[in-house]
């Protein structure tokens, strides 16, 4: 879980290494800690691989601009993965 952040941009990118068998799912929480509809763990597309700019998506949607300027937290569920950084672009 990340600390609360506010961002500008339209996409979330991760610097991530899952190795051969790892996987990561990303959920966006509101300021109260509740999952934001459209950005829940169940809607998150699984991420695997090694990339400094891996795009996060939920049911194929990468656009997070509707949340820009709001206080959010990222909740990541991971198996055999290393997260180095995240950024919004």
N, C-alpha and C. Protein backbone atom coordinates (compact mmCIF):
# COMPACT_ATOMS: atom_id res chain seq x y z
N UNK A 1 0.86 -1.17 0.00
CA UNK A 1 0.00 0.00 0.00
C UNK A 1 0.91 1.23 0.00
N UNK A 2 0.57 2.17 -0.87
CA UNK A 2 1.35 3.40 -0.92
C UNK A 2 0.80 4.41 0.08
N UNK A 3 1.61 5.42 0.40
CA UNK A 3 1.03 6.54 1.15
C UNK A 3 0.06 7.29 0.26
N UNK A 4 -0.78 8.15 0.83
CA UNK A 4 -1.69 8.94 0.00
C UNK A 4 -0.91 9.83 -0.97
N UNK A 5 -1.40 9.90 -2.21
CA UNK A 5 -0.76 10.72 -3.24
C UNK A 5 -1.84 11.45 -4.05
N UNK A 6 -1.45 12.55 -4.65
CA UNK A 6 -2.25 13.24 -5.65
C UNK A 6 -1.40 13.27 -6.91
N UNK A 7 -2.02 13.13 -8.04
CA UNK A 7 -1.25 13.05 -9.27
C UNK A 7 -1.91 13.82 -10.39
N UNK A 8 -1.14 14.06 -11.42
CA UNK A 8 -1.64 14.57 -12.70
C UNK A 8 -1.21 13.55 -13.74
N UNK A 9 -2.00 13.41 -14.76
CA UNK A 9 -1.66 12.48 -15.82
C UNK A 9 -2.82 11.60 -16.19
N UNK A 10 -2.56 10.72 -17.15
CA UNK A 10 -3.62 9.85 -17.66
C UNK A 10 -3.32 8.36 -17.50
N UNK A 11 -2.05 8.02 -17.21
CA UNK A 11 -1.67 6.61 -17.11
C UNK A 11 -0.78 6.37 -15.91
N UNK A 12 -0.87 5.17 -15.36
CA UNK A 12 -0.02 4.73 -14.27
C UNK A 12 1.00 3.75 -14.85
N UNK A 13 2.28 3.99 -14.54
CA UNK A 13 3.35 3.11 -14.99
C UNK A 13 4.12 2.59 -13.78
N UNK A 14 4.53 1.33 -13.87
CA UNK A 14 5.32 0.71 -12.80
C UNK A 14 6.69 0.31 -13.33
N UNK A 15 7.69 0.46 -12.49
CA UNK A 15 9.01 -0.14 -12.73
C UNK A 15 8.95 -1.44 -11.95
N UNK A 16 8.82 -2.55 -12.67
CA UNK A 16 8.41 -3.81 -12.08
C UNK A 16 9.20 -4.97 -12.66
N UNK A 17 9.53 -5.95 -11.81
CA UNK A 17 10.15 -7.19 -12.26
C UNK A 17 9.44 -8.35 -11.59
N UNK A 18 8.72 -9.14 -12.38
CA UNK A 18 8.01 -10.28 -11.81
C UNK A 18 8.74 -11.59 -12.05
N UNK A 19 9.83 -11.56 -12.83
CA UNK A 19 10.49 -12.81 -13.13
C UNK A 19 9.57 -13.69 -13.98
N UNK A 20 9.87 -14.98 -14.01
CA UNK A 20 9.12 -15.89 -14.89
C UNK A 20 7.72 -16.22 -14.36
N UNK A 21 7.57 -16.37 -13.05
CA UNK A 21 6.28 -16.83 -12.53
C UNK A 21 5.54 -15.83 -11.68
N UNK A 22 6.00 -14.60 -11.64
CA UNK A 22 5.37 -13.61 -10.78
C UNK A 22 4.21 -12.90 -11.45
N UNK A 23 3.43 -12.22 -10.62
CA UNK A 23 2.28 -11.46 -11.13
C UNK A 23 1.93 -10.36 -10.13
N UNK A 24 1.39 -9.25 -10.65
CA UNK A 24 0.98 -8.13 -9.82
C UNK A 24 -0.39 -7.65 -10.29
N UNK A 25 -1.25 -7.31 -9.34
CA UNK A 25 -2.53 -6.66 -9.61
C UNK A 25 -2.52 -5.34 -8.86
N UNK A 26 -3.15 -4.30 -9.41
CA UNK A 26 -3.15 -2.97 -8.81
C UNK A 26 -4.59 -2.50 -8.60
N UNK A 27 -4.83 -1.97 -7.42
CA UNK A 27 -6.13 -1.40 -7.07
C UNK A 27 -5.91 0.04 -6.63
N UNK A 28 -6.83 0.91 -6.99
CA UNK A 28 -6.77 2.30 -6.54
C UNK A 28 -7.83 2.50 -5.47
N UNK A 29 -7.38 3.06 -4.34
CA UNK A 29 -8.27 3.33 -3.21
C UNK A 29 -8.51 4.82 -3.09
N UNK A 30 -9.68 5.22 -2.64
CA UNK A 30 -9.96 6.64 -2.41
C UNK A 30 -9.35 7.08 -1.08
N UNK A 31 -9.54 8.34 -0.71
CA UNK A 31 -8.95 8.90 0.50
C UNK A 31 -9.42 8.16 1.75
N UNK A 32 -10.59 7.57 1.70
CA UNK A 32 -11.13 6.82 2.83
C UNK A 32 -10.69 5.36 2.87
N UNK A 33 -9.90 4.94 1.89
CA UNK A 33 -9.40 3.57 1.85
C UNK A 33 -10.32 2.59 1.15
N UNK A 34 -11.33 3.09 0.46
CA UNK A 34 -12.28 2.21 -0.26
C UNK A 34 -11.86 2.08 -1.72
N UNK A 35 -12.00 0.89 -2.30
CA UNK A 35 -11.67 0.71 -3.72
C UNK A 35 -12.53 1.62 -4.60
N UNK A 36 -11.90 2.21 -5.60
CA UNK A 36 -12.61 3.07 -6.55
C UNK A 36 -13.21 2.17 -7.63
N UNK A 37 -14.53 2.25 -7.86
CA UNK A 37 -15.15 1.44 -8.91
C UNK A 37 -14.44 1.66 -10.26
N UNK A 38 -14.18 0.56 -10.93
CA UNK A 38 -13.46 0.61 -12.20
C UNK A 38 -11.97 0.40 -12.05
N UNK A 39 -11.48 0.47 -10.79
CA UNK A 39 -10.05 0.34 -10.52
C UNK A 39 -9.78 -0.63 -9.36
N UNK A 40 -10.60 -1.66 -9.24
CA UNK A 40 -10.48 -2.62 -8.14
C UNK A 40 -9.52 -3.76 -8.51
N UNK A 41 -9.15 -4.54 -7.50
CA UNK A 41 -8.29 -5.71 -7.75
C UNK A 41 -8.95 -6.68 -8.72
N UNK A 42 -10.26 -6.88 -8.57
CA UNK A 42 -10.96 -7.82 -9.45
C UNK A 42 -10.97 -7.36 -10.91
N UNK A 43 -10.89 -6.04 -11.12
CA UNK A 43 -10.90 -5.49 -12.48
C UNK A 43 -9.50 -5.31 -13.04
N UNK A 44 -8.49 -5.44 -12.18
CA UNK A 44 -7.10 -5.22 -12.58
C UNK A 44 -6.63 -6.31 -13.53
N UNK A 45 -5.97 -5.88 -14.61
CA UNK A 45 -5.35 -6.85 -15.52
C UNK A 45 -4.02 -7.28 -14.91
N UNK A 46 -3.74 -8.59 -14.88
CA UNK A 46 -2.50 -9.06 -14.27
C UNK A 46 -1.28 -8.54 -15.04
N UNK A 47 -0.24 -8.18 -14.28
CA UNK A 47 0.99 -7.69 -14.87
C UNK A 47 2.10 -8.71 -14.62
N UNK A 48 2.85 -9.00 -15.65
CA UNK A 48 4.03 -9.82 -15.46
C UNK A 48 5.09 -9.43 -16.47
N UNK A 49 6.34 -9.63 -16.08
CA UNK A 49 7.45 -9.26 -16.93
C UNK A 49 8.40 -8.33 -16.21
N UNK A 50 9.31 -7.75 -16.97
CA UNK A 50 10.32 -6.85 -16.43
C UNK A 50 10.33 -5.60 -17.29
N UNK A 51 9.94 -4.47 -16.71
CA UNK A 51 9.86 -3.23 -17.47
C UNK A 51 10.00 -2.04 -16.54
N UNK A 52 10.61 -0.97 -17.04
CA UNK A 52 10.69 0.26 -16.26
C UNK A 52 9.45 1.13 -16.50
N UNK A 53 8.64 0.78 -17.50
CA UNK A 53 7.41 1.54 -17.80
C UNK A 53 6.26 0.60 -18.15
N UNK A 54 5.91 -0.27 -17.23
CA UNK A 54 4.80 -1.19 -17.47
C UNK A 54 3.49 -0.46 -17.19
N UNK A 55 2.63 -0.41 -18.18
CA UNK A 55 1.35 0.28 -18.06
C UNK A 55 0.35 -0.59 -17.30
N UNK A 56 -0.33 0.02 -16.34
CA UNK A 56 -1.36 -0.66 -15.56
C UNK A 56 -2.70 -0.44 -16.23
N UNK A 57 -3.53 -1.49 -16.23
CA UNK A 57 -4.87 -1.36 -16.82
C UNK A 57 -5.87 -2.17 -16.01
N UNK A 58 -7.11 -1.78 -16.16
CA UNK A 58 -8.24 -2.43 -15.50
C UNK A 58 -9.25 -2.75 -16.60
N UNK A 59 -9.43 -4.05 -16.86
CA UNK A 59 -10.30 -4.50 -17.96
C UNK A 59 -9.94 -3.79 -19.26
N UNK A 60 -8.64 -3.64 -19.50
CA UNK A 60 -8.14 -3.03 -20.73
C UNK A 60 -8.07 -1.52 -20.72
N UNK A 61 -8.60 -0.89 -19.69
CA UNK A 61 -8.61 0.58 -19.61
C UNK A 61 -7.39 1.08 -18.85
N UNK A 62 -6.56 1.90 -19.49
CA UNK A 62 -5.38 2.47 -18.85
C UNK A 62 -5.60 3.90 -18.36
N UNK A 63 -6.71 4.50 -18.70
CA UNK A 63 -6.96 5.92 -18.42
C UNK A 63 -7.35 6.14 -16.96
N UNK A 64 -6.49 6.85 -16.21
CA UNK A 64 -6.77 7.19 -14.82
C UNK A 64 -7.04 8.68 -14.63
N UNK A 65 -7.24 9.40 -15.74
CA UNK A 65 -7.39 10.86 -15.68
C UNK A 65 -8.61 11.29 -14.85
N UNK A 66 -9.61 10.44 -14.72
CA UNK A 66 -10.79 10.80 -13.93
C UNK A 66 -10.45 10.93 -12.44
N UNK A 67 -9.30 10.42 -12.03
CA UNK A 67 -8.89 10.48 -10.62
C UNK A 67 -7.82 11.54 -10.37
N UNK A 68 -7.35 12.20 -11.43
CA UNK A 68 -6.29 13.20 -11.29
C UNK A 68 -6.73 14.31 -10.35
N UNK A 69 -5.82 14.72 -9.48
CA UNK A 69 -6.10 15.79 -8.52
C UNK A 69 -6.74 15.32 -7.24
N UNK A 70 -7.22 14.08 -7.21
CA UNK A 70 -7.83 13.51 -6.00
C UNK A 70 -6.76 12.78 -5.18
N UNK A 71 -6.98 12.69 -3.89
CA UNK A 71 -6.08 11.91 -3.03
C UNK A 71 -6.44 10.44 -3.17
N UNK A 72 -5.44 9.64 -3.53
CA UNK A 72 -5.64 8.20 -3.70
C UNK A 72 -4.50 7.44 -3.05
N UNK A 73 -4.68 6.14 -2.95
CA UNK A 73 -3.61 5.23 -2.55
C UNK A 73 -3.62 4.08 -3.54
N UNK A 74 -2.46 3.50 -3.76
CA UNK A 74 -2.35 2.30 -4.59
C UNK A 74 -2.22 1.10 -3.67
N UNK A 75 -2.99 0.07 -3.95
CA UNK A 75 -2.91 -1.20 -3.23
C UNK A 75 -2.47 -2.23 -4.25
N UNK A 76 -1.31 -2.82 -4.02
CA UNK A 76 -0.77 -3.81 -4.94
C UNK A 76 -0.80 -5.18 -4.30
N UNK A 77 -1.28 -6.15 -5.06
CA UNK A 77 -1.24 -7.54 -4.64
C UNK A 77 -0.22 -8.21 -5.55
N UNK A 78 0.79 -8.85 -4.96
CA UNK A 78 1.89 -9.38 -5.77
C UNK A 78 2.30 -10.77 -5.32
N UNK A 79 2.82 -11.52 -6.29
CA UNK A 79 3.40 -12.83 -6.03
C UNK A 79 4.72 -12.90 -6.80
N UNK A 80 5.80 -13.13 -6.11
CA UNK A 80 7.14 -13.26 -6.72
C UNK A 80 7.45 -12.06 -7.61
N UNK A 81 7.33 -10.86 -7.05
CA UNK A 81 7.55 -9.64 -7.83
C UNK A 81 8.31 -8.61 -7.02
N UNK A 82 9.01 -7.74 -7.74
CA UNK A 82 9.71 -6.61 -7.13
C UNK A 82 9.22 -5.33 -7.77
N UNK A 83 8.71 -4.43 -6.95
CA UNK A 83 8.29 -3.11 -7.42
C UNK A 83 9.37 -2.12 -7.02
N UNK A 84 9.90 -1.39 -8.01
CA UNK A 84 10.95 -0.41 -7.75
C UNK A 84 10.42 1.01 -7.69
N UNK A 85 9.42 1.32 -8.50
CA UNK A 85 8.88 2.68 -8.53
C UNK A 85 7.55 2.68 -9.28
N UNK A 86 6.80 3.78 -9.08
CA UNK A 86 5.59 4.00 -9.87
C UNK A 86 5.55 5.47 -10.25
N UNK A 87 4.89 5.76 -11.36
CA UNK A 87 4.72 7.15 -11.76
C UNK A 87 3.45 7.29 -12.61
N UNK A 88 2.92 8.48 -12.57
CA UNK A 88 1.79 8.82 -13.42
C UNK A 88 2.30 9.70 -14.53
N UNK A 89 1.83 9.47 -15.75
CA UNK A 89 2.26 10.26 -16.92
C UNK A 89 1.05 10.81 -17.62
